[in-house]
C-alpha cells in the first residue's frame, strides 16, 4: 500500500532532519573546540625532549642516539626532583652550556667533532603514543638538541613527566607513569591521553550517534 504524506508532514520531517543535522554539527564544533583546549592544556604541563640528527646517513643517525643516551641519562638525574614543567625549564636554562658541552664531547669521543645547538623552543609535534598513552599533536615546549645542520630524522619523547628514561631503556612508560601523569594532569586531561578514549553523542530518541 502506498503511503501519501501531506505537505505539512513532509515539512515537519524535513525540519526534524535539518534540526538533527544542525545539532550534530554544533556538537562536533563544540567537541573539537573542547579537544583543542584540552590538548593545549596538556601541552602547557609537559616538556618534550627533541634530538635532531645531522642527516639521514646511517652514521649520523647512530651518533644522534649516542647524544640522546648521554644527555638523557644526565638530564634524568638533574630533573628527578623537579616539581613541574616550569621548574624543569629553569633547570635546563641554567644547564644549556653543560648540555652542549656533553653532547659535543660524546661526538668527539666517537671520532668526529661536530657543532651542537641546545635550546628551549616551542616545537610542533605530531600525535605520539607512549605505551598506553597518546599525546595529541600540537605545540609543545621542548629541550631541543640540533646536531650540525639538523637535517636528519629526529627522536623525541616526554621529558617531564619522565616518560623517556628508565632502567629498561628509552621511549617507555615505566611503572610510575600513571602516578606521574595523574599528578601533573587533571582527571579530564589524563582521560584524554588514554588510547582507548572515545567520544559519542547520544539522544533519548536515538540510541547512539558516533561522530
Protein backbone atom coordinates (compact mmCIF):
# COMPACT_ATOMS: atom_id res chain seq x y z
CA UNK A 1 0.00 0.00 0.00
CA UNK A 2 1.36 3.39 -0.97
CA UNK A 3 1.53 5.91 1.87
CA UNK A 4 0.94 9.52 0.91
CA UNK A 5 2.25 12.27 3.17
CA UNK A 6 0.78 15.72 3.32
CA UNK A 7 2.96 18.70 2.56
CA UNK A 8 2.78 19.67 6.22
CA UNK A 9 4.08 16.24 7.28
CA UNK A 10 6.89 16.41 4.74
CA UNK A 11 7.85 19.85 6.01
CA UNK A 12 7.89 18.55 9.59
CA UNK A 13 10.14 15.64 8.61
CA UNK A 14 12.49 17.96 6.77
CA UNK A 15 12.56 20.30 9.74
CA UNK A 16 13.35 17.41 12.07
CA UNK A 17 16.19 16.15 9.84
CA UNK A 18 17.66 19.65 9.46
CA UNK A 19 17.43 20.23 13.21
CA UNK A 20 19.14 16.93 13.97
CA UNK A 21 21.88 17.65 11.43
CA UNK A 22 22.43 21.13 12.89
CA UNK A 23 22.60 19.72 16.43
CA UNK A 24 25.17 17.12 15.35
CA UNK A 25 27.23 19.80 13.58
CA UNK A 26 27.12 22.14 16.58
CA UNK A 27 28.08 19.29 18.88
CA UNK A 28 31.05 18.40 16.69
CA UNK A 29 32.23 22.02 16.60
CA UNK A 30 31.93 22.27 20.38
CA UNK A 31 33.67 18.92 20.81
CA UNK A 32 36.54 19.93 18.52
CA UNK A 33 36.97 23.19 20.42
CA UNK A 34 36.98 21.32 23.74
CA UNK A 35 39.55 18.83 22.42
CA UNK A 36 41.77 21.67 21.23
CA UNK A 37 41.57 23.36 24.63
CA UNK A 38 42.40 20.08 26.37
CA UNK A 39 45.35 19.45 24.03
CA UNK A 40 46.68 22.96 24.70
CA UNK A 41 46.32 22.43 28.46
CA UNK A 42 48.24 19.14 28.24
CA UNK A 43 50.98 20.77 26.17
CA UNK A 44 51.38 23.52 28.76
CA UNK A 45 52.11 20.97 31.51
CA UNK A 46 54.69 18.74 29.83
CA UNK A 47 58.18 19.21 28.46
CA UNK A 48 59.45 17.26 25.44
CA UNK A 49 62.99 16.13 24.55
CA UNK A 50 63.89 16.51 20.87
CA UNK A 51 67.16 15.40 19.25
CA UNK A 52 67.73 16.14 15.54
CA UNK A 53 70.47 14.36 13.59
CA UNK A 54 72.88 15.99 11.14
CA UNK A 55 71.44 13.92 8.27
CA UNK A 56 69.74 10.64 7.49
CA UNK A 57 73.09 8.96 6.88
CA UNK A 58 73.25 5.78 8.99
CA UNK A 59 76.29 7.02 10.92
CA UNK A 60 74.67 10.37 11.69
CA UNK A 61 71.56 8.58 12.93
CA UNK A 62 73.74 6.37 15.15
CA UNK A 63 75.52 9.43 16.55
CA UNK A 64 72.18 11.06 17.28
CA UNK A 65 71.39 8.15 19.61
CA UNK A 66 74.76 8.50 21.35
CA UNK A 67 73.83 12.10 22.18
CA UNK A 68 70.36 11.02 23.26
CA UNK A 69 71.76 8.41 25.63
CA UNK A 70 74.38 10.66 27.22
CA UNK A 71 72.16 13.73 27.63
CA UNK A 72 69.15 11.63 28.61
CA UNK A 73 70.99 9.89 31.44
CA UNK A 74 72.42 13.19 32.66
CA UNK A 75 69.06 15.01 32.47
CA UNK A 76 67.28 12.18 34.25
CA UNK A 77 69.45 12.79 37.29
CA UNK A 78 69.17 16.58 37.10
CA UNK A 79 65.40 16.72 36.75
CA UNK A 80 64.29 13.86 39.01
CA UNK A 81 63.26 16.24 41.80
CA UNK A 82 61.63 18.89 39.60
CA UNK A 83 58.10 19.68 40.76
CA UNK A 84 56.64 20.97 37.49
CA UNK A 85 57.37 21.81 33.87
CA UNK A 86 58.42 25.40 34.65
CA UNK A 87 60.95 24.20 37.20
CA UNK A 88 62.33 21.80 34.57
CA UNK A 89 62.68 24.68 32.12
CA UNK A 90 64.52 26.80 34.67
CA UNK A 91 66.96 23.97 35.42
CA UNK A 92 67.59 23.36 31.73
CA UNK A 93 68.12 27.06 31.07
CA UNK A 94 70.89 27.09 33.66
CA UNK A 95 72.48 23.94 32.25
CA UNK A 96 72.33 24.61 28.49
CA UNK A 97 76.06 25.17 28.10
CA UNK A 98 76.84 21.97 30.03
CA UNK A 99 74.36 20.03 27.87
CA UNK A 100 76.01 21.34 24.71
CA UNK A 101 79.50 20.51 26.00
CA UNK A 102 78.39 16.99 26.95
CA UNK A 103 76.87 16.37 23.52
CA UNK A 104 79.93 17.73 21.70
CA UNK A 105 82.24 15.66 23.90
CA UNK A 106 80.30 12.48 23.10
CA UNK A 107 80.53 13.19 19.37
CA UNK A 108 84.24 14.00 19.54
CA UNK A 109 84.97 10.83 21.51
CA UNK A 110 83.12 8.92 18.79
CA UNK A 111 85.73 10.13 16.34
CA UNK A 112 84.40 13.30 14.77
CA UNK A 113 83.90 16.83 16.09
CA UNK A 114 80.53 18.37 15.37
CA UNK A 115 78.73 21.54 16.43
CA UNK A 116 75.65 21.22 18.61
CA UNK A 117 72.85 23.69 19.31
CA UNK A 118 70.90 23.43 22.56
CA UNK A 119 67.76 25.46 23.14
CA UNK A 120 64.36 25.54 24.76
CA UNK A 121 61.86 26.03 21.94
CA UNK A 122 58.21 25.80 21.02
CA UNK A 123 58.07 22.84 18.64
CA UNK A 124 55.23 21.35 16.58
CA UNK A 125 54.84 17.64 17.32
CA UNK A 126 52.51 15.09 15.68
CA UNK A 127 50.40 12.62 17.64
CA UNK A 128 52.69 10.32 19.58
CA UNK A 129 51.96 7.13 21.53
CA UNK A 130 53.91 6.13 24.64
CA UNK A 131 52.71 2.78 25.93
CA UNK A 132 49.06 3.25 26.95
CA UNK A 133 49.10 6.99 26.33
CA UNK A 134 48.63 9.04 23.18
CA UNK A 135 49.72 12.66 23.33
CA UNK A 136 47.85 14.90 20.89
CA UNK A 137 49.57 16.84 18.13
CA UNK A 138 50.33 20.44 18.95
CA UNK A 139 52.92 22.98 20.01
CA UNK A 140 54.99 21.80 22.96
CA UNK A 141 57.87 23.34 24.85
CA UNK A 142 60.93 21.18 24.28
CA UNK A 143 64.59 20.77 25.11
CA UNK A 144 65.89 20.67 21.56
CA UNK A 145 69.35 19.42 20.58
CA UNK A 146 70.34 20.03 16.96
CA UNK A 147 73.45 18.25 15.67
CA UNK A 148 75.25 20.05 12.85
CA UNK A 149 72.81 21.27 10.20
CA UNK A 150 69.97 19.29 11.80
CA UNK A 151 68.61 17.93 8.52
CA UNK A 152 68.11 14.32 9.56
CA UNK A 153 65.31 12.38 11.19
CA UNK A 154 64.66 13.28 14.80
CA UNK A 155 63.90 11.47 18.03
CA UNK A 156 61.59 12.75 20.75
CA UNK A 157 59.87 11.80 23.96
CA UNK A 158 58.24 13.36 27.03
CA UNK A 159 60.93 14.62 29.39
CA UNK A 160 58.55 15.89 32.06
CA UNK A 161 56.84 13.99 33.48
CA UNK A 162 59.51 11.44 32.70
CA UNK A 163 58.22 9.03 30.04
CA UNK A 164 61.63 8.90 28.32
CA UNK A 165 64.11 7.18 30.52
CA UNK A 166 64.17 4.18 32.80
CA UNK A 167 66.50 1.36 33.63
CA UNK A 168 64.89 -0.59 30.77
CA UNK A 169 65.67 1.93 28.05
CA UNK A 170 64.08 4.78 26.12
CA UNK A 171 60.67 5.78 24.82
CA UNK A 172 58.95 3.74 27.50
CA UNK A 173 56.41 4.24 30.22
CA UNK A 174 57.56 2.70 33.46
CA UNK A 175 55.51 1.53 36.41
CA UNK A 176 55.31 5.07 37.80
CA UNK A 177 53.98 6.68 34.61
CA UNK A 178 50.34 6.60 35.71
CA UNK A 179 51.15 8.22 39.05
CA UNK A 180 53.32 10.89 37.42
CA UNK A 181 50.72 11.75 34.80
CA UNK A 182 47.87 11.86 37.31
CA UNK A 183 49.96 14.21 39.45
CA UNK A 184 50.63 16.58 36.56
CA UNK A 185 47.38 16.43 34.57
CA UNK A 186 43.76 17.00 35.57
CA UNK A 187 41.44 13.94 35.51
CA UNK A 188 39.92 15.17 32.22
CA UNK A 189 43.36 15.66 30.65
CA UNK A 190 44.54 12.27 31.86
CA UNK A 191 41.49 10.53 30.34
CA UNK A 192 42.08 12.40 27.07
CA UNK A 193 45.52 10.84 26.53
CA UNK A 194 44.40 7.27 27.17
CA UNK A 195 44.49 5.49 23.81
CA UNK A 196 41.05 3.88 24.21
CA UNK A 197 39.07 7.08 24.87
CA UNK A 198 36.03 7.56 22.61
CA UNK A 199 33.58 10.38 22.12
CA UNK A 200 29.91 9.65 21.47
CA UNK A 201 26.78 11.78 21.18
CA UNK A 202 23.63 10.15 22.50
CA UNK A 203 19.98 11.20 22.21
CA UNK A 204 17.00 9.77 24.00
CA UNK A 205 15.30 9.12 20.70
CA UNK A 206 18.48 7.76 19.01
CA UNK A 207 20.49 5.05 20.87
CA UNK A 208 23.89 6.42 19.81
CA UNK A 209 25.27 8.66 17.13
CA UNK A 210 29.02 8.32 16.82
CA UNK A 211 30.80 11.26 15.22
